[in-house]
Amino acid sequence: MRVDKFLNSTNITKRRAVSEDMCKNGVVSINGVVAKPSKDVKIGDIITINYLEKAVKYEVLQIPETKTIPKTKQNEYAREV
């Protein structure tokens, strides 16, 4: 699954366009490498989002099968490190 779709479907970002822009501007990295929006994520990858105040890291636990998942199940797909 593409990183921009993953961020959107796991409710880390509100819209896919937002996560796509974040990737294009170099805010999102996977395993320490700046990621393009089309970069595929795999189980075990560490996604880092560099916000203005802090950097937040997420570990990919599962890849969602559906377009969106409930917010209550977010912890099954991505865990904040």
PDB file of N, CA and C in Angstrom:
ATOM      1  N   MET A   1       0.848  -1.180   0.000  1.00  0.00           N
ATOM      2  CA  MET A   1       0.000   0.000   0.000  1.00  0.00           C
ATOM      3  C   MET A   1       0.889   1.237   0.000  1.00  0.00           C
ATOM      4  N   ARG A   2       0.484   2.230  -0.764  1.00  0.00           N
ATOM      5  CA  ARG A   2       1.222   3.494  -0.826  1.00  0.00           C
ATOM      6  C   ARG A   2       1.223   4.180   0.540  1.00  0.00           C
ATOM      7  N   VAL A   3       2.287   4.913   0.829  1.00  0.00           N
ATOM      8  CA  VAL A   3       2.408   5.557   2.134  1.00  0.00           C
ATOM      9  C   VAL A   3       1.330   6.629   2.330  1.00  0.00           C
ATOM     10  N   ASP A   4       0.968   7.373   1.279  1.00  0.00           N
ATOM     11  CA  ASP A   4      -0.071   8.394   1.453  1.00  0.00           C
ATOM     12  C   ASP A   4      -1.430   7.753   1.738  1.00  0.00           C
ATOM     13  N   LYS A   5      -1.727   6.634   1.096  1.00  0.00           N
ATOM     14  CA  LYS A   5      -2.978   5.915   1.370  1.00  0.00           C
ATOM     15  C   LYS A   5      -2.960   5.310   2.771  1.00  0.00           C
ATOM     16  N   PHE A   6      -1.807   4.797   3.187  1.00  0.00           N
ATOM     17  CA  PHE A   6      -1.699   4.194   4.515  1.00  0.00           C
ATOM     18  C   PHE A   6      -1.965   5.235   5.598  1.00  0.00           C
ATOM     19  N   LEU A   7      -1.338   6.402   5.480  1.00  0.00           N
ATOM     20  CA  LEU A   7      -1.526   7.450   6.482  1.00  0.00           C
ATOM     21  C   LEU A   7      -2.986   7.878   6.570  1.00  0.00           C
ATOM     22  N   ASN A   8      -3.657   7.930   5.431  1.00  0.00           N
ATOM     23  CA  ASN A   8      -5.060   8.319   5.412  1.00  0.00           C
ATOM     24  C   ASN A   8      -5.963   7.210   5.947  1.00  0.00           C
ATOM     25  N   SER A   9      -5.767   5.989   5.518  1.00  0.00           N
ATOM     26  CA  SER A   9      -6.674   4.919   5.921  1.00  0.00           C
ATOM     27  C   SER A   9      -6.523   4.539   7.393  1.00  0.00           C
ATOM     28  N   THR A  10      -5.359   4.781   7.984  1.00  0.00           N
ATOM     29  CA  THR A  10      -5.178   4.492   9.411  1.00  0.00           C
ATOM     30  C   THR A  10      -5.468   5.712  10.288  1.00  0.00           C
ATOM     31  N   ASN A  11      -6.036   6.747   9.717  1.00  0.00           N
ATOM     32  CA  ASN A  11      -6.480   7.949  10.434  1.00  0.00           C
ATOM     33  C   ASN A  11      -5.330   8.745  11.056  1.00  0.00           C
ATOM     34  N   ILE A  12      -4.137   8.631  10.502  1.00  0.00           N
ATOM     35  CA  ILE A  12      -3.027   9.458  10.964  1.00  0.00           C
ATOM     36  C   ILE A  12      -3.176  10.861  10.370  1.00  0.00           C
ATOM     37  N   THR A  13      -3.612  10.935   9.110  1.00  0.00           N
ATOM     38  CA  THR A  13      -3.951  12.226   8.502  1.00  0.00           C
ATOM     39  C   THR A  13      -5.429  12.217   8.136  1.00  0.00           C
ATOM     40  N   LYS A  14      -6.005  13.407   8.039  1.00  0.00           N
ATOM     41  CA  LYS A  14      -7.436  13.517   7.770  1.00  0.00           C
ATOM     42  C   LYS A  14      -7.802  13.188   6.324  1.00  0.00           C
ATOM     43  N   ARG A  15      -6.955  13.649   5.394  1.00  0.00           N
ATOM     44  CA  ARG A  15      -7.239  13.442   3.968  1.00  0.00           C
ATOM     45  C   ARG A  15      -5.994  12.948   3.259  1.00  0.00           C
ATOM     46  N   ARG A  16      -6.206  12.213   2.169  1.00  0.00           N
ATOM     47  CA  ARG A  16      -5.076  11.688   1.414  1.00  0.00           C
ATOM     48  C   ARG A  16      -4.290  12.827   0.773  1.00  0.00           C
ATOM     49  N   ALA A  17      -4.968  13.878   0.364  1.00  0.00           N
ATOM     50  CA  ALA A  17      -4.271  15.017  -0.244  1.00  0.00           C
ATOM     51  C   ALA A  17      -3.288  15.636   0.747  1.00  0.00           C
ATOM     52  N   VAL A  18      -3.645  15.652   2.024  1.00  0.00           N
ATOM     53  CA  VAL A  18      -2.753  16.192   3.051  1.00  0.00           C
ATOM     54  C   VAL A  18      -1.513  15.316   3.181  1.00  0.00           C
ATOM     55  N   SER A  19      -1.717  13.994   3.248  1.00  0.00           N
ATOM     56  CA  SER A  19      -0.563  13.101   3.381  1.00  0.00           C
ATOM     57  C   SER A  19       0.302  13.122   2.122  1.00  0.00           C
ATOM     58  N   GLU A  20      -0.323  13.294   0.960  1.00  0.00           N
ATOM     59  CA  GLU A  20       0.438  13.395  -0.293  1.00  0.00           C
ATOM     60  C   GLU A  20       1.314  14.645  -0.287  1.00  0.00           C
ATOM     61  N   ASP A  21       0.758  15.776   0.154  1.00  0.00           N
ATOM     62  CA  ASP A  21       1.530  17.020   0.241  1.00  0.00           C
ATOM     63  C   ASP A  21       2.671  16.895   1.258  1.00  0.00           C
ATOM     64  N   MET A  22       2.400  16.226   2.365  1.00  0.00           N
ATOM     65  CA  MET A  22       3.440  16.034   3.377  1.00  0.00           C
ATOM     66  C   MET A  22       4.612  15.240   2.795  1.00  0.00           C
ATOM     67  N   CYS A  23       4.303  14.226   2.016  1.00  0.00           N
ATOM     68  CA  CYS A  23       5.364  13.424   1.383  1.00  0.00           C
ATOM     69  C   CYS A  23       6.143  14.253   0.366  1.00  0.00           C
ATOM     70  N   LYS A  24       5.434  15.026  -0.448  1.00  0.00           N
ATOM     71  CA  LYS A  24       6.094  15.838  -1.479  1.00  0.00           C
ATOM     72  C   LYS A  24       7.004  16.902  -0.883  1.00  0.00           C
ATOM     73  N   ASN A  25       6.668  17.375   0.329  1.00  0.00           N
ATOM     74  CA  ASN A  25       7.460  18.416   0.972  1.00  0.00           C
ATOM     75  C   ASN A  25       8.549  17.851   1.877  1.00  0.00           C
ATOM     76  N   GLY A  26       8.745  16.543   1.876  1.00  0.00           N
ATOM     77  CA  GLY A  26       9.834  15.944   2.630  1.00  0.00           C
ATOM     78  C   GLY A  26       9.592  15.798   4.110  1.00  0.00           C
ATOM     79  N   VAL A  27       8.335  15.819   4.542  1.00  0.00           N
ATOM     80  CA  VAL A  27       8.000  15.720   5.962  1.00  0.00           C
ATOM     81  C   VAL A  27       7.949  14.264   6.411  1.00  0.00           C
ATOM     82  N   VAL A  28       7.626  13.354   5.502  1.00  0.00           N
ATOM     83  CA  VAL A  28       7.448  11.942   5.830  1.00  0.00           C
ATOM     84  C   VAL A  28       8.666  11.137   5.374  1.00  0.00           C
ATOM     85  N   SER A  29       9.154  10.275   6.271  1.00  0.00           N
ATOM     86  CA  SER A  29      10.246   9.379   5.895  1.00  0.00           C
ATOM     87  C   SER A  29       9.925   7.969   6.372  1.00  0.00           C
ATOM     88  N   ILE A  30      10.431   6.990   5.620  1.00  0.00           N
ATOM     89  CA  ILE A  30      10.260   5.587   5.970  1.00  0.00           C
ATOM     90  C   ILE A  30      11.641   5.005   6.220  1.00  0.00           C
ATOM     91  N   ASN A  31      11.840   4.487   7.433  1.00  0.00           N
ATOM     92  CA  ASN A  31      13.130   3.912   7.842  1.00  0.00           C
ATOM     93  C   ASN A  31      14.277   4.890   7.614  1.00  0.00           C
ATOM     94  N   GLY A  32      14.050   6.174   7.877  1.00  0.00           N
ATOM     95  CA  GLY A  32      15.086   7.182   7.781  1.00  0.00           C
ATOM     96  C   GLY A  32      15.306   7.772   6.404  1.00  0.00           C
ATOM     97  N   VAL A  33      14.554   7.316   5.400  1.00  0.00           N
ATOM     98  CA  VAL A  33      14.701   7.819   4.032  1.00  0.00           C
ATOM     99  C   VAL A  33      13.439   8.596   3.666  1.00  0.00           C
ATOM    100  N   VAL A  34      13.601   9.827   3.170  1.00  0.00           N
ATOM    101  CA  VAL A  34      12.461  10.644   2.778  1.00  0.00           C
ATOM    102  C   VAL A  34      11.656   9.898   1.719  1.00  0.00           C
ATOM    103  N   ALA A  35      10.337   9.824   1.923  1.00  0.00           N
ATOM    104  CA  ALA A  35       9.482   8.995   1.064  1.00  0.00           C
ATOM    105  C   ALA A  35       8.631   9.835   0.127  1.00  0.00           C
ATOM    106  N   LYS A  36       8.511   9.354  -1.101  1.00  0.00           N
ATOM    107  CA  LYS A  36       7.568   9.932  -2.055  1.00  0.00           C
ATOM    108  C   LYS A  36       6.182   9.364  -1.732  1.00  0.00           C
ATOM    109  N   PRO A  37       5.106  10.025  -2.195  1.00  0.00           N
ATOM    110  CA  PRO A  37       3.754   9.524  -1.891  1.00  0.00           C
ATOM    111  C   PRO A  37       3.497   8.107  -2.397  1.00  0.00           C
ATOM    112  N   SER A  38       4.178   7.691  -3.456  1.00  0.00           N
ATOM    113  CA  SER A  38       3.921   6.378  -4.045  1.00  0.00           C
ATOM    114  C   SER A  38       4.748   5.257  -3.410  1.00  0.00           C
ATOM    115  N   LYS A  39       5.593   5.581  -2.444  1.00  0.00           N
ATOM    116  CA  LYS A  39       6.440   4.560  -1.805  1.00  0.00           C
ATOM    117  C   LYS A  39       5.574   3.553  -1.058  1.00  0.00           C
ATOM    118  N   ASP A  40       5.839   2.269  -1.273  1.00  0.00           N
ATOM    119  CA  ASP A  40       5.083   1.212  -0.601  1.00  0.00           C
ATOM    120  C   ASP A  40       5.581   1.030   0.828  1.00  0.00           C
ATOM    121  N   VAL A  41       4.627   0.778   1.744  1.00  0.00           N
ATOM    122  CA  VAL A  41       4.973   0.459   3.123  1.00  0.00           C
ATOM    123  C   VAL A  41       4.812  -1.040   3.331  1.00  0.00           C
ATOM    124  N   LYS A  42       5.652  -1.581   4.197  1.00  0.00           N
ATOM    125  CA  LYS A  42       5.599  -2.996   4.527  1.00  0.00           C
ATOM    126  C   LYS A  42       5.483  -3.131   6.042  1.00  0.00           C
ATOM    127  N   ILE A  43       5.054  -4.289   6.494  1.00  0.00           N
ATOM    128  CA  ILE A  43       4.956  -4.545   7.928  1.00  0.00           C
ATOM    129  C   ILE A  43       6.354  -4.453   8.532  1.00  0.00           C
ATOM    130  N   GLY A  44       6.461  -3.716   9.638  1.00  0.00           N
ATOM    131  CA  GLY A  44       7.745  -3.528  10.306  1.00  0.00           C
ATOM    132  C   GLY A  44       8.428  -2.218   9.974  1.00  0.00           C
ATOM    133  N   ASP A  45       7.954  -1.508   8.944  1.00  0.00           N
ATOM    134  CA  ASP A  45       8.539  -0.214   8.595  1.00  0.00           C
ATOM    135  C   ASP A  45       8.276   0.811   9.691  1.00  0.00           C
ATOM    136  N   ILE A  46       9.196   1.756   9.846  1.00  0.00           N
ATOM    137  CA  ILE A  46       9.029   2.871  10.779  1.00  0.00           C
ATOM    138  C   ILE A  46       8.783   4.127   9.950  1.00  0.00           C
ATOM    139  N   ILE A  47       7.599   4.716  10.111  1.00  0.00           N
ATOM    140  CA  ILE A  47       7.239   5.950   9.401  1.00  0.00           C
ATOM    141  C   ILE A  47       7.442   7.111  10.363  1.00  0.00           C
ATOM    142  N   THR A  48       8.243   8.089   9.954  1.00  0.00           N
ATOM    143  CA  THR A  48       8.508   9.273  10.768  1.00  0.00           C
ATOM    144  C   THR A  48       7.869  10.477  10.109  1.00  0.00           C
ATOM    145  N   ILE A  49       7.089  11.231  10.896  1.00  0.00           N
ATOM    146  CA  ILE A  49       6.475  12.469  10.416  1.00  0.00           C
ATOM    147  C   ILE A  49       7.078  13.612  11.214  1.00  0.00           C
ATOM    148  N   ASN A  50       7.744  14.530  10.526  1.00  0.00           N
ATOM    149  CA  ASN A  50       8.410  15.664  11.179  1.00  0.00           C
ATOM    150  C   ASN A  50       7.484  16.872  11.185  1.00  0.00           C
ATOM    151  N   TYR A  51       6.787  17.045  12.311  1.00  0.00           N
ATOM    152  CA  TYR A  51       5.955  18.237  12.490  1.00  0.00           C
ATOM    153  C   TYR A  51       6.849  19.405  12.898  1.00  0.00           C
ATOM    154  N   LEU A  52       6.289  20.601  12.993  1.00  0.00           N
ATOM    155  CA  LEU A  52       7.091  21.773  13.342  1.00  0.00           C
ATOM    156  C   LEU A  52       7.709  21.644  14.732  1.00  0.00           C
ATOM    157  N   GLU A  53       6.929  21.159  15.707  1.00  0.00           N
ATOM    158  CA  GLU A  53       7.404  21.096  17.081  1.00  0.00           C
ATOM    159  C   GLU A  53       8.145  19.811  17.408  1.00  0.00           C
ATOM    160  N   LYS A  54       7.746  18.698  16.781  1.00  0.00           N
ATOM    161  CA  LYS A  54       8.317  17.410  17.154  1.00  0.00           C
ATOM    162  C   LYS A  54       8.219  16.431  15.995  1.00  0.00           C
ATOM    163  N   ALA A  55       8.890  15.315  16.138  1.00  0.00           N
ATOM    164  CA  ALA A  55       8.816  14.228  15.155  1.00  0.00           C
ATOM    165  C   ALA A  55       8.080  13.059  15.807  1.00  0.00           C
ATOM    166  N   VAL A  56       7.128  12.477  15.072  1.00  0.00           N
ATOM    167  CA  VAL A  56       6.355  11.352  15.575  1.00  0.00           C
ATOM    168  C   VAL A  56       6.672  10.133  14.721  1.00  0.00           C
ATOM    169  N   LYS A  57       6.950   9.007  15.384  1.00  0.00           N
ATOM    170  CA  LYS A  57       7.284   7.773  14.671  1.00  0.00           C
ATOM    171  C   LYS A  57       6.174   6.756  14.870  1.00  0.00           C
ATOM    172  N   TYR A  58       5.845   6.064  13.780  1.00  0.00           N
ATOM    173  CA  TYR A  58       4.844   5.002  13.812  1.00  0.00           C
ATOM    174  C   TYR A  58       5.456   3.735  13.243  1.00  0.00           C
ATOM    175  N   GLU A  59       5.161   2.608  13.887  1.00  0.00           N
ATOM    176  CA  GLU A  59       5.574   1.306  13.358  1.00  0.00           C
ATOM    177  C   GLU A  59       4.379   0.671  12.676  1.00  0.00           C
ATOM    178  N   VAL A  60       4.579   0.161  11.466  1.00  0.00           N
ATOM    179  CA  VAL A  60       3.510  -0.477  10.701  1.00  0.00           C
ATOM    180  C   VAL A  60       3.332  -1.897  11.228  1.00  0.00           C
ATOM    181  N   LEU A  61       2.135  -2.191  11.758  1.00  0.00           N
ATOM    182  CA  LEU A  61       1.846  -3.517  12.297  1.00  0.00           C
ATOM    183  C   LEU A  61       1.094  -4.391  11.300  1.00  0.00           C
ATOM    184  N   GLN A  62       0.170  -3.779  10.543  1.00  0.00           N
ATOM    185  CA  GLN A  62      -0.611  -4.486   9.527  1.00  0.00           C
ATOM    186  C   GLN A  62      -0.876  -3.530   8.376  1.00  0.00           C
ATOM    187  N   ILE A  63      -1.223  -4.095   7.229  1.00  0.00           N
ATOM    188  CA  ILE A  63      -1.626  -3.295   6.082  1.00  0.00           C
ATOM    189  C   ILE A  63      -3.141  -3.416   5.962  1.00  0.00           C
ATOM    190  N   PRO A  64      -3.876  -2.298   5.983  1.00  0.00           N
ATOM    191  CA  PRO A  64      -5.342  -2.367   5.895  1.00  0.00           C
ATOM    192  C   PRO A  64      -5.807  -2.951   4.567  1.00  0.00           C
ATOM    193  N   GLU A  65      -6.842  -3.765   4.620  1.00  0.00           N
ATOM    194  CA  GLU A  65      -7.438  -4.346   3.418  1.00  0.00           C
ATOM    195  C   GLU A  65      -8.488  -3.418   2.826  1.00  0.00           C
ATOM    196  N   THR A  66      -9.109  -2.593   3.667  1.00  0.00           N
ATOM    197  CA  THR A  66     -10.168  -1.694   3.215  1.00  0.00           C
ATOM    198  C   THR A  66      -9.640  -0.274   3.103  1.00  0.00           C
ATOM    199  N   LYS A  67     -10.440   0.593   2.493  1.00  0.00           N
ATOM    200  CA  LYS A  67     -10.026   1.977   2.263  1.00  0.00           C
ATOM    201  C   LYS A  67      -9.883   2.747   3.579  1.00  0.00           C
ATOM    202  N   THR A  68     -10.807   2.523   4.495  1.00  0.00           N
ATOM    203  CA  THR A  68     -10.746   3.188   5.797  1.00  0.00           C
ATOM    204  C   THR A  68     -10.999   2.172   6.893  1.00  0.00           C
ATOM    205  N   ILE A  69     -10.462   2.469   8.067  1.00  0.00           N
ATOM    206  CA  ILE A  69     -10.697   1.622   9.226  1.00  0.00           C
ATOM    207  C   ILE A  69     -11.249   2.494  10.347  1.00  0.00           C
ATOM    208  N   PRO A  70     -11.981   1.913  11.301  1.00  0.00           N
ATOM    209  CA  PRO A  70     -12.475   2.713  12.426  1.00  0.00           C
ATOM    210  C   PRO A  70     -11.320   3.220  13.286  1.00  0.00           C
ATOM    211  N   LYS A  71     -11.498   4.390  13.889  1.00  0.00           N
ATOM    212  CA  LYS A  71     -10.439   4.956  14.726  1.00  0.00           C
ATOM    213  C   LYS A  71     -10.119   4.051  15.906  1.00  0.00           C
ATOM    214  N   THR A  72     -11.104   3.279  16.352  1.00  0.00           N
ATOM    215  CA  THR A  72     -10.875   2.390  17.489  1.00  0.00           C
ATOM    216  C   THR A  72      -9.904   1.269  17.146  1.00  0.00           C
ATOM    217  N   LYS A  73      -9.751   0.937  15.875  1.00  0.00           N
ATOM    218  CA  LYS A  73      -8.859  -0.144  15.460  1.00  0.00           C
ATOM    219  C   LYS A  73      -7.522   0.375  14.930  1.00  0.00           C
ATOM    220  N   GLN A  74      -7.245   1.666  15.094  1.00  0.00           N
ATOM    221  CA  GLN A  74      -6.003   2.250  14.592  1.00  0.00           C
ATOM    222  C   GLN A  74      -4.781   1.573  15.210  1.00  0.00           C
ATOM    223  N   ASN A  75      -4.861   1.192  16.480  1.00  0.00           N
ATOM    224  CA  ASN A  75      -3.713   0.585  17.162  1.00  0.00           C
ATOM    225  C   ASN A  75      -3.339  -0.778  16.611  1.00  0.00           C
ATOM    226  N   GLU A  76      -4.246  -1.412  15.857  1.00  0.00           N
ATOM    227  CA  GLU A  76      -3.944  -2.710  15.253  1.00  0.00           C
ATOM    228  C   GLU A  76      -3.089  -2.558  13.989  1.00  0.00           C
ATOM    229  N   TYR A  77      -3.061  -1.372  13.398  1.00  0.00           N
ATOM    230  CA  TYR A  77      -2.367  -1.150  12.130  1.00  0.00           C
ATOM    231  C   TYR A  77      -1.083  -0.333  12.283  1.00  0.00           C
ATOM    232  N   ALA A  78      -1.092   0.626  13.185  1.00  0.00           N
ATOM    233  CA  ALA A  78       0.087   1.466  13.394  1.00  0.00           C
ATOM    234  C   ALA A  78       0.236   1.770  14.889  1.00  0.00           C
ATOM    235  N   ARG A  79       1.473   1.648  15.381  1.00  0.00           N
ATOM    236  CA  ARG A  79       1.730   1.899  16.785  1.00  0.00           C
ATOM    237  C   ARG A  79       2.739   3.033  16.894  1.00  0.00           C
ATOM    238  N   GLU A  80       2.446   4.005  17.749  1.00  0.00           N
ATOM    239  CA  GLU A  80       3.374   5.128  17.936  1.00  0.00           C
ATOM    240  C   GLU A  80       4.580   4.635  18.740  1.00  0.00           C
ATOM    241  N   VAL A  81       5.763   4.927  18.217  1.00  0.00           N
ATOM    242  CA  VAL A  81       6.998   4.464  18.872  1.00  0.00           C
ATOM    243  C   VAL A  81       7.578   5.584  19.692  1.00  0.00           C
TER     244      VAL A  81
END
